[in-house]
PDB file of all heavy atoms in Angstrom:
ATOM      1  N   GLU A   1     135.489  58.554  40.648  1.00  0.00           N
ATOM      2  CA  GLU A   1     136.737  58.292  41.363  1.00  0.00           C
ATOM      3  C   GLU A   1     136.548  58.369  42.878  1.00  0.00           C
ATOM      4  O   GLU A   1     137.172  57.619  43.631  1.00  0.00           O
ATOM      5  CB  GLU A   1     137.832  59.259  40.909  1.00  0.00           C
ATOM      6  CG  GLU A   1     138.476  58.869  39.594  1.00  0.00           C
ATOM      7  CD  GLU A   1     139.002  57.435  39.593  1.00  0.00           C
ATOM      8  OE1 GLU A   1     139.673  57.047  40.569  1.00  0.00           O
ATOM      9  OE2 GLU A   1     138.737  56.700  38.630  1.00  0.00           O
ATOM     10  N   ASP A   2     135.703  59.307  43.327  1.00  0.00           N
ATOM     11  CA  ASP A   2     135.387  59.358  44.755  1.00  0.00           C
ATOM     12  C   ASP A   2     134.703  58.066  45.193  1.00  0.00           C
ATOM     13  O   ASP A   2     134.941  57.565  46.305  1.00  0.00           O
ATOM     14  CB  ASP A   2     134.477  60.547  45.056  1.00  0.00           C
ATOM     15  CG  ASP A   2     135.218  61.877  45.004  1.00  0.00           C
ATOM     16  OD1 ASP A   2     136.459  61.860  45.072  1.00  0.00           O
ATOM     17  OD2 ASP A   2     134.547  62.927  44.871  1.00  0.00           O
ATOM     18  N   LEU A   3     133.834  57.547  44.328  1.00  0.00           N
ATOM     19  CA  LEU A   3     133.161  56.286  44.619  1.00  0.00           C
ATOM     20  C   LEU A   3     134.182  55.168  44.776  1.00  0.00           C
ATOM     21  O   LEU A   3     134.117  54.377  45.724  1.00  0.00           O
ATOM     22  CB  LEU A   3     132.170  55.953  43.505  1.00  0.00           C
ATOM     23  CG  LEU A   3     131.459  54.597  43.624  1.00  0.00           C
ATOM     24  CD1 LEU A   3     130.517  54.586  44.819  1.00  0.00           C
ATOM     25  CD2 LEU A   3     130.691  54.273  42.336  1.00  0.00           C
ATOM     26  N   ARG A   4     135.126  55.098  43.835  1.00  0.00           N
ATOM     27  CA  ARG A   4     136.146  54.058  43.896  1.00  0.00           C
ATOM     28  C   ARG A   4     136.906  54.105  45.234  1.00  0.00           C
ATOM     29  O   ARG A   4     137.089  53.084  45.910  1.00  0.00           O
ATOM     30  CB  ARG A   4     137.133  54.217  42.742  1.00  0.00           C
ATOM     31  CG  ARG A   4     138.182  53.093  42.661  1.00  0.00           C
ATOM     32  CD  ARG A   4     139.411  53.533  41.872  1.00  0.00           C
ATOM     33  NE  ARG A   4     139.071  54.014  40.551  1.00  0.00           N
ATOM     34  CZ  ARG A   4     138.904  53.243  39.479  1.00  0.00           C
ATOM     35  NH1 ARG A   4     139.035  51.937  39.607  1.00  0.00           N
ATOM     36  NH2 ARG A   4     138.603  53.774  38.312  1.00  0.00           N
ATOM     37  N   LYS A   5     137.350  55.293  45.606  1.00  0.00           N
ATOM     38  CA  LYS A   5     138.145  55.436  46.825  1.00  0.00           C
ATOM     39  C   LYS A   5     137.343  55.056  48.065  1.00  0.00           C
ATOM     40  O   LYS A   5     137.842  54.371  48.960  1.00  0.00           O
ATOM     41  CB  LYS A   5     138.647  56.871  46.944  1.00  0.00           C
ATOM     42  CG  LYS A   5     139.661  57.268  45.874  1.00  0.00           C
ATOM     43  CD  LYS A   5     140.028  58.746  45.986  1.00  0.00           C
ATOM     44  CE  LYS A   5     140.975  59.166  44.875  1.00  0.00           C
ATOM     45  NZ  LYS A   5     141.271  60.631  44.929  1.00  0.00           N
ATOM     46  N   ALA A   6     136.094  55.507  48.119  1.00  0.00           N
ATOM     47  CA  ALA A   6     135.270  55.252  49.301  1.00  0.00           C
ATOM     48  C   ALA A   6     134.946  53.767  49.450  1.00  0.00           C
ATOM     49  O   ALA A   6     135.032  53.203  50.550  1.00  0.00           O
ATOM     50  CB  ALA A   6     133.988  56.071  49.225  1.00  0.00           C
ATOM     51  N   VAL A   7     134.581  53.124  48.340  1.00  0.00           N
ATOM     52  CA  VAL A   7     134.227  51.707  48.389  1.00  0.00           C
ATOM     53  C   VAL A   7     135.461  50.863  48.711  1.00  0.00           C
ATOM     54  O   VAL A   7     135.419  49.963  49.564  1.00  0.00           O
ATOM     55  CB  VAL A   7     133.584  51.254  47.063  1.00  0.00           C
ATOM     56  CG1 VAL A   7     133.392  49.737  47.050  1.00  0.00           C
ATOM     57  CG2 VAL A   7     132.250  51.961  46.845  1.00  0.00           C
ATOM     58  N   ALA A   8     136.565  51.149  48.038  1.00  0.00           N
ATOM     59  CA  ALA A   8     137.793  50.382  48.286  1.00  0.00           C
ATOM     60  C   ALA A   8     138.238  50.506  49.733  1.00  0.00           C
ATOM     61  O   ALA A   8     138.702  49.536  50.343  1.00  0.00           O
ATOM     62  CB  ALA A   8     138.895  50.852  47.345  1.00  0.00           C
ATOM     63  N   ALA A   9     138.084  51.684  50.311  1.00  0.00           N
ATOM     64  CA  ALA A   9     138.478  51.883  51.704  1.00  0.00           C
ATOM     65  C   ALA A   9     137.629  51.016  52.638  1.00  0.00           C
ATOM     66  O   ALA A   9     138.144  50.410  53.587  1.00  0.00           O
ATOM     67  CB  ALA A   9     138.350  53.351  52.085  1.00  0.00           C
ATOM     68  N   ASP A  10     136.327  50.953  52.386  1.00  0.00           N
ATOM     69  CA  ASP A  10     135.449  50.138  53.227  1.00  0.00           C
ATOM     70  C   ASP A  10     135.807  48.655  53.119  1.00  0.00           C
ATOM     71  O   ASP A  10     135.838  47.924  54.119  1.00  0.00           O
ATOM     72  CB  ASP A  10     133.991  50.338  52.819  1.00  0.00           C
ATOM     73  CG  ASP A  10     133.387  51.604  53.414  1.00  0.00           C
ATOM     74  OD1 ASP A  10     134.097  52.298  54.167  1.00  0.00           O
ATOM     75  OD2 ASP A  10     132.211  51.895  53.114  1.00  0.00           O
ATOM     76  N   VAL A  11     136.044  48.202  51.888  1.00  0.00           N
ATOM     77  CA  VAL A  11     136.354  46.787  51.683  1.00  0.00           C
ATOM     78  C   VAL A  11     137.674  46.421  52.356  1.00  0.00           C
ATOM     79  O   VAL A  11     137.805  45.353  52.969  1.00  0.00           O
ATOM     80  CB  VAL A  11     136.397  46.451  50.175  1.00  0.00           C
ATOM     81  CG1 VAL A  11     136.864  45.017  49.948  1.00  0.00           C
ATOM     82  CG2 VAL A  11     135.023  46.654  49.550  1.00  0.00           C
ATOM     83  N   ARG A  12     138.630  47.312  52.288  1.00  0.00           N
ATOM     84  CA  ARG A  12     139.919  47.032  52.926  1.00  0.00           C
ATOM     85  C   ARG A  12     139.818  47.048  54.447  1.00  0.00           C
ATOM     86  O   ARG A  12     140.547  46.321  55.130  1.00  0.00           O
ATOM     87  CB  ARG A  12     140.979  48.009  52.406  1.00  0.00           C
ATOM     88  CG  ARG A  12     141.574  47.513  51.099  1.00  0.00           C
ATOM     89  CD  ARG A  12     142.174  48.586  50.225  1.00  0.00           C
ATOM     90  NE  ARG A  12     142.778  47.969  49.057  1.00  0.00           N
ATOM     91  CZ  ARG A  12     142.091  47.489  48.012  1.00  0.00           C
ATOM     92  NH1 ARG A  12     140.765  47.551  48.018  1.00  0.00           N
ATOM     93  NH2 ARG A  12     142.719  46.941  46.985  1.00  0.00           N
ATOM     94  N   ARG A  13     138.941  47.843  54.982  1.00  0.00           N
ATOM     95  CA  ARG A  13     138.701  47.781  56.432  1.00  0.00           C
ATOM     96  C   ARG A  13     138.189  46.396  56.816  1.00  0.00           C
ATOM     97  O   ARG A  13     138.623  45.803  57.814  1.00  0.00           O
ATOM     98  CB  ARG A  13     137.698  48.840  56.851  1.00  0.00           C
ATOM     99  CG  ARG A  13     138.256  50.254  56.954  1.00  0.00           C
ATOM    100  CD  ARG A  13     137.199  51.194  57.488  1.00  0.00           C
ATOM    101  NE  ARG A  13     136.735  50.774  58.801  1.00  0.00           N
ATOM    102  CZ  ARG A  13     135.561  51.128  59.324  1.00  0.00           C
ATOM    103  NH1 ARG A  13     134.716  51.883  58.641  1.00  0.00           N
ATOM    104  NH2 ARG A  13     135.224  50.721  60.528  1.00  0.00           N
ATOM    105  N   ALA A  14     137.257  45.882  56.029  1.00  0.00           N
ATOM    106  CA  ALA A  14     136.728  44.542  56.296  1.00  0.00           C
ATOM    107  C   ALA A  14     137.814  43.488  56.102  1.00  0.00           C
ATOM    108  O   ALA A  14     137.906  42.523  56.874  1.00  0.00           O
ATOM    109  CB  ALA A  14     135.543  44.258  55.380  1.00  0.00           C
ATOM    110  N   ALA A  15     138.636  43.669  55.080  1.00  0.00           N
ATOM    111  CA  ALA A  15     139.694  42.696  54.800  1.00  0.00           C
ATOM    112  C   ALA A  15     140.716  42.629  55.927  1.00  0.00           C
ATOM    113  O   ALA A  15     141.301  41.572  56.187  1.00  0.00           O
ATOM    114  CB  ALA A  15     140.384  43.034  53.481  1.00  0.00           C
ATOM    115  N   ARG A  16     140.933  43.739  56.615  1.00  0.00           N
ATOM    116  CA  ARG A  16     141.896  43.739  57.719  1.00  0.00           C
ATOM    117  C   ARG A  16     141.437  42.825  58.856  1.00  0.00           C
ATOM    118  O   ARG A  16     142.266  42.264  59.583  1.00  0.00           O
ATOM    119  CB  ARG A  16     142.116  45.168  58.234  1.00  0.00           C
ATOM    120  CG  ARG A  16     143.043  45.978  57.337  1.00  0.00           C
ATOM    121  CD  ARG A  16     143.563  47.209  58.064  1.00  0.00           C
ATOM    122  NE  ARG A  16     142.523  48.193  58.329  1.00  0.00           N
ATOM    123  CZ  ARG A  16     142.159  49.149  57.472  1.00  0.00           C
ATOM    124  NH1 ARG A  16     142.773  49.254  56.293  1.00  0.00           N
ATOM    125  NH2 ARG A  16     141.207  50.007  57.787  1.00  0.00           N
ATOM    126  N   VAL A  17     140.121  42.677  59.019  1.00  0.00           N
ATOM    127  CA  VAL A  17     139.609  41.737  60.020  1.00  0.00           C
ATOM    128  C   VAL A  17     140.056  40.319  59.669  1.00  0.00           C
ATOM    129  O   VAL A  17     140.433  39.526  60.542  1.00  0.00           O
ATOM    130  CB  VAL A  17     138.071  41.815  60.113  1.00  0.00           C
ATOM    131  CG1 VAL A  17     137.532  40.764  61.077  1.00  0.00           C
ATOM    132  CG2 VAL A  17     137.637  43.208  60.543  1.00  0.00           C
ATOM    133  N   LEU A  18     140.029  39.990  58.359  1.00  0.00           N
ATOM    134  CA  LEU A  18     140.460  38.659  57.925  1.00  0.00           C
ATOM    135  C   LEU A  18     141.968  38.496  58.093  1.00  0.00           C
ATOM    136  O   LEU A  18     142.450  37.417  58.445  1.00  0.00           O
ATOM    137  CB  LEU A  18     140.077  38.419  56.465  1.00  0.00           C
ATOM    138  CG  LEU A  18     138.601  38.592  56.091  1.00  0.00           C
ATOM    139  CD1 LEU A  18     138.366  38.131  54.665  1.00  0.00           C
ATOM    140  CD2 LEU A  18     137.709  37.846  57.052  1.00  0.00           C
ATOM    141  N   GLU A  19     142.704  39.549  57.828  1.00  0.00           N
ATOM    142  CA  GLU A  19     144.165  39.459  57.909  1.00  0.00           C
ATOM    143  C   GLU A  19     144.660  39.328  59.339  1.00  0.00           C
ATOM    144  O   GLU A  19     145.619  38.601  59.607  1.00  0.00           O
ATOM    145  CB  GLU A  19     144.788  40.691  57.251  1.00  0.00           C
ATOM    146  CG  GLU A  19     144.620  40.732  55.738  1.00  0.00           C
ATOM    147  CD  GLU A  19     145.138  42.030  55.135  1.00  0.00           C
ATOM    148  OE1 GLU A  19     145.016  43.076  55.808  1.00  0.00           O
ATOM    149  OE2 GLU A  19     145.665  41.981  54.020  1.00  0.00           O
ATOM    150  N   HIS A  20     143.999  40.011  60.258  1.00  0.00           N
ATOM    151  CA  HIS A  20     144.507  40.065  61.640  1.00  0.00           C
ATOM    152  C   HIS A  20     143.695  39.225  62.617  1.00  0.00           C
ATOM    153  O   HIS A  20     144.165  38.988  63.737  1.00  0.00           O
ATOM    154  CB  HIS A  20     144.549  41.521  62.117  1.00  0.00           C
ATOM    155  CG  HIS A  20     145.370  42.402  61.250  1.00  0.00           C
ATOM    156  ND1 HIS A  20     146.719  42.200  61.034  1.00  0.00           N
ATOM    157  CD2 HIS A  20     145.044  43.494  60.498  1.00  0.00           C
ATOM    158  CE1 HIS A  20     147.198  43.122  60.215  1.00  0.00           C
ATOM    159  NE2 HIS A  20     146.200  43.924  59.877  1.00  0.00           N
ATOM    160  N   GLY A  21     142.499  38.812  62.217  1.00  0.00           N
ATOM    161  CA  GLY A  21     141.706  37.961  63.080  1.00  0.00           C
ATOM    162  C   GLY A  21     140.752  38.732  63.979  1.00  0.00           C
ATOM    163  O   GLY A  21     140.961  39.904  64.271  1.00  0.00           O
ATOM    164  N   LEU A  22     139.692  38.058  64.408  1.00  0.00           N
ATOM    165  CA  LEU A  22     138.676  38.699  65.230  1.00  0.00           C
ATOM    166  C   LEU A  22     139.238  39.172  66.573  1.00  0.00           C
ATOM    167  O   LEU A  22     138.836  40.210  67.088  1.00  0.00           O
ATOM    168  CB  LEU A  22     137.525  37.722  65.489  1.00  0.00           C
ATOM    169  CG  LEU A  22     136.609  37.395  64.299  1.00  0.00           C
ATOM    170  CD1 LEU A  22     135.597  36.320  64.703  1.00  0.00           C
ATOM    171  CD2 LEU A  22     135.877  38.640  63.826  1.00  0.00           C
ATOM    172  N   ALA A  23     140.166  38.414  67.110  1.00  0.00           N
ATOM    173  CA  ALA A  23     140.674  38.738  68.446  1.00  0.00           C
ATOM    174  C   ALA A  23     141.324  40.111  68.487  1.00  0.00           C
ATOM    175  O   ALA A  23     141.266  40.804  69.507  1.00  0.00           O
ATOM    176  CB  ALA A  23     141.664  37.679  68.900  1.00  0.00           C
ATOM    177  N   THR A  24     141.959  40.519  67.385  1.00  0.00           N
ATOM    178  CA  THR A  24     142.647  41.809  67.362  1.00  0.00           C
ATOM    179  C   THR A  24     141.852  42.893  66.682  1.00  0.00           C
ATOM    180  O   THR A  24     142.233  44.070  66.727  1.00  0.00           O
ATOM    181  CB  THR A  24     144.008  41.667  66.647  1.00  0.00           C
ATOM    182  OG1 THR A  24     143.775  41.192  65.309  1.00  0.00           O
ATOM    183  CG2 THR A  24     144.912  40.706  67.380  1.00  0.00           C
ATOM    184  N   SER A  25     140.733  42.525  66.021  1.00  0.00           N
ATOM    185  CA  SER A  25     139.991  43.506  65.216  1.00  0.00           C
ATOM    186  C   SER A  25     138.659  43.913  65.823  1.00  0.00           C
ATOM    187  O   SER A  25     138.158  45.004  65.568  1.00  0.00           O
ATOM    188  CB  SER A  25     139.739  42.953  63.798  1.00  0.00           C
ATOM    189  OG  SER A  25     140.964  42.636  63.164  1.00  0.00           O
TER     190      SER A  25
END
């Protein structure tokens, strides 16, 4: 479960770059 949380958090950090764009990320 710790693995799940840690990996999901990293992927969502990367996904936020896609959601908000390079200019803001």
